[in-house]
C-alpha atoms as a PDB file:
ATOM      1  CA  MET A   1      -1.804   0.615 -37.303  1.00  0.00           C
ATOM      2  CA  ASN A   2      -3.591  -1.362 -34.586  1.00  0.00           C
ATOM      3  CA  THR A   3      -2.214  -0.553 -31.109  1.00  0.00           C
ATOM      4  CA  THR A   4      -4.729  -2.649 -29.175  1.00  0.00           C
ATOM      5  CA  ILE A   5      -3.077  -4.887 -26.606  1.00  0.00           C
ATOM      6  CA  LYS A   6      -4.665  -8.308 -26.347  1.00  0.00           C
ATOM      7  CA  GLN A   7      -5.725  -9.045 -22.798  1.00  0.00           C
ATOM      8  CA  ASN A   8      -6.407 -12.414 -21.259  1.00  0.00           C
ATOM      9  CA  THR A   9      -8.402 -13.573 -18.284  1.00  0.00           C
ATOM     10  CA  LEU A  10      -6.702 -15.449 -15.464  1.00  0.00           C
ATOM     11  CA  THR A  11      -8.661 -17.058 -12.661  1.00  0.00           C
ATOM     12  CA  LEU A  12      -6.904 -17.613  -9.330  1.00  0.00           C
ATOM     13  CA  ARG A  13      -7.972 -19.320  -6.155  1.00  0.00           C
ATOM     14  CA  VAL A  14      -6.840 -17.285  -3.147  1.00  0.00           C
ATOM     15  CA  SER A  15      -7.478 -17.377   0.566  1.00  0.00           C
ATOM     16  CA  ASP A  16     -10.191 -15.213   2.091  1.00  0.00           C
ATOM     17  CA  GLU A  17      -7.452 -13.212   3.817  1.00  0.00           C
ATOM     18  CA  LEU A  18      -5.597 -12.456   0.578  1.00  0.00           C
ATOM     19  CA  LYS A  19      -8.836 -11.546  -1.201  1.00  0.00           C
ATOM     20  CA  GLY A  20      -9.738  -9.234   1.664  1.00  0.00           C
ATOM     21  CA  ASN A  21      -6.338  -7.562   1.518  1.00  0.00           C
ATOM     22  CA  LEU A  22      -6.601  -7.093  -2.238  1.00  0.00           C
ATOM     23  CA  ASP A  23     -10.096  -5.639  -1.914  1.00  0.00           C
ATOM     24  CA  ARG A  24      -8.990  -3.345   0.918  1.00  0.00           C
ATOM     25  CA  PHE A  25      -5.964  -2.079  -1.005  1.00  0.00           C
ATOM     26  CA  ALA A  26      -8.017  -1.523  -4.159  1.00  0.00           C
ATOM     27  CA  ARG A  27     -10.562   0.560  -2.230  1.00  0.00           C
ATOM     28  CA  LEU A  28      -7.849   2.595  -0.475  1.00  0.00           C
ATOM     29  CA  ALA A  29      -5.981   3.206  -3.740  1.00  0.00           C
ATOM     30  CA  GLY A  30      -9.133   3.960  -5.703  1.00  0.00           C
ATOM     31  CA  ARG A  31      -8.260   1.260  -8.226  1.00  0.00           C
ATOM     32  CA  SER A  32      -9.972  -1.832  -9.524  1.00  0.00           C
ATOM     33  CA  LEU A  33      -9.190  -5.207  -8.011  1.00  0.00           C
ATOM     34  CA  SER A  34      -7.931  -6.351 -11.409  1.00  0.00           C
ATOM     35  CA  SER A  35      -5.556  -3.384 -11.683  1.00  0.00           C
ATOM     36  CA  VAL A  36      -4.136  -4.047  -8.215  1.00  0.00           C
ATOM     37  CA  ALA A  37      -3.652  -7.757  -8.924  1.00  0.00           C
ATOM     38  CA  VAL A  38      -1.997  -7.102 -12.309  1.00  0.00           C
ATOM     39  CA  THR A  39       0.406  -4.566 -10.802  1.00  0.00           C
ATOM     40  CA  ALA A  40       1.282  -6.922  -7.949  1.00  0.00           C
ATOM     41  CA  VAL A  41       2.054  -9.784 -10.341  1.00  0.00           C
ATOM     42  CA  GLU A  42       4.044  -7.519 -12.677  1.00  0.00           C
ATOM     43  CA  GLU A  43       6.165  -6.171  -9.825  1.00  0.00           C
ATOM     44  CA  TYR A  44       6.730  -9.640  -8.380  1.00  0.00           C
ATOM     45  CA  LEU A  45       7.835 -11.092 -11.715  1.00  0.00           C
ATOM     46  CA  ALA A  46      10.057  -8.091 -12.480  1.00  0.00           C
ATOM     47  CA  TRP A  47      11.986  -8.985  -9.325  1.00  0.00           C
ATOM     48  CA  ARG A  48      11.811 -12.792  -9.378  1.00  0.00           C
ATOM     49  CA  ILE A  49      12.635 -13.558 -13.031  1.00  0.00           C
ATOM     50  CA  PRO A  50      16.062 -11.849 -12.975  1.00  0.00           C
ATOM     51  CA  GLN A  51      16.750 -13.359  -9.549  1.00  0.00           C
ATOM     52  CA  LEU A  52      16.045 -16.889 -10.795  1.00  0.00           C
ATOM     53  CA  LYS A  53      18.107 -16.318 -13.954  1.00  0.00           C
ATOM     54  CA  ASP A  54      21.041 -15.201 -11.800  1.00  0.00           C
ATOM     55  CA  LEU A  55      20.592 -18.201  -9.524  1.00  0.00           C
ATOM     56  CA  LYS A  56      20.576 -20.656 -12.429  1.00  0.00           C
ATOM     57  CA  GLN A  57      23.726 -19.053 -13.828  1.00  0.00           C
ATOM     58  CA  ALA A  58      25.403 -19.219 -10.407  1.00  0.00           C
ATOM     59  CA  ILE A  59      24.565 -22.912 -10.040  1.00  0.00           C
ATOM     60  CA  LYS A  60      25.945 -23.596 -13.512  1.00  0.00           C
ATOM     61  CA  GLU A  61      29.185 -21.791 -12.638  1.00  0.00           C
ATOM     62  CA  ALA A  62      29.458 -23.568  -9.286  1.00  0.00           C
ATOM     63  CA  ASP A  63      29.025 -26.902 -11.022  1.00  0.00           C
ATOM     64  CA  GLN A  64      31.967 -25.874 -13.212  1.00  0.00           C
ATOM     65  CA  LYS A  65      33.974 -25.041 -10.040  1.00  0.00           C
ATOM     66  CA  LYS A  66      33.834 -21.317 -10.840  1.00  0.00           C
ATOM     67  CA  PHE A  67      33.308 -19.461  -7.594  1.00  0.00           C
ATOM     68  CA  ALA A  68      32.800 -15.749  -6.975  1.00  0.00           C
ATOM     69  CA  SER A  69      35.201 -13.495  -5.143  1.00  0.00           C
ATOM     70  CA  GLN A  70      34.006 -11.805  -1.944  1.00  0.00           C
ATOM     71  CA  LYS A  71      33.571  -8.563  -3.918  1.00  0.00           C
ATOM     72  CA  GLU A  72      31.305 -10.319  -6.443  1.00  0.00           C
ATOM     73  CA  VAL A  73      29.279 -11.899  -3.631  1.00  0.00           C
ATOM     74  CA  ASN A  74      28.771  -8.520  -1.959  1.00  0.00           C
ATOM     75  CA  LEU A  75      27.644  -7.011  -5.281  1.00  0.00           C
ATOM     76  CA  ILE A  76      24.976  -9.685  -5.756  1.00  0.00           C
ATOM     77  CA  PHE A  77      23.730  -9.308  -2.169  1.00  0.00           C
ATOM     78  CA  SER A  78      23.436  -5.547  -2.613  1.00  0.00           C
ATOM     79  CA  LYS A  79      21.540  -6.068  -5.892  1.00  0.00           C
ATOM     80  CA  TYR A  80      18.784  -7.911  -3.994  1.00  0.00           C
ATOM     81  CA  ASP A  81      18.984  -5.746  -0.888  1.00  0.00           C
ATOM     82  CA  CYS A  82      20.254  -8.578   1.326  1.00  0.00           C
END
């Protein structure tokens, strides 16, 4: 059984400041720049994808005149630490 994970290359254009921060963090953490960037993107998407899915569902429900109770609103805000 082959357990090799296919990896791809992604090229990004970033500001000098962001590149410097990535380099600095990688040095401090003793990790490669690639590893730091991958982890940052993974963590960002793990948070943003569910948030956007919830937002799209909320818009759909609002368009159907289905509105949340105050309890439901508070639950969503607490989910995203608002």
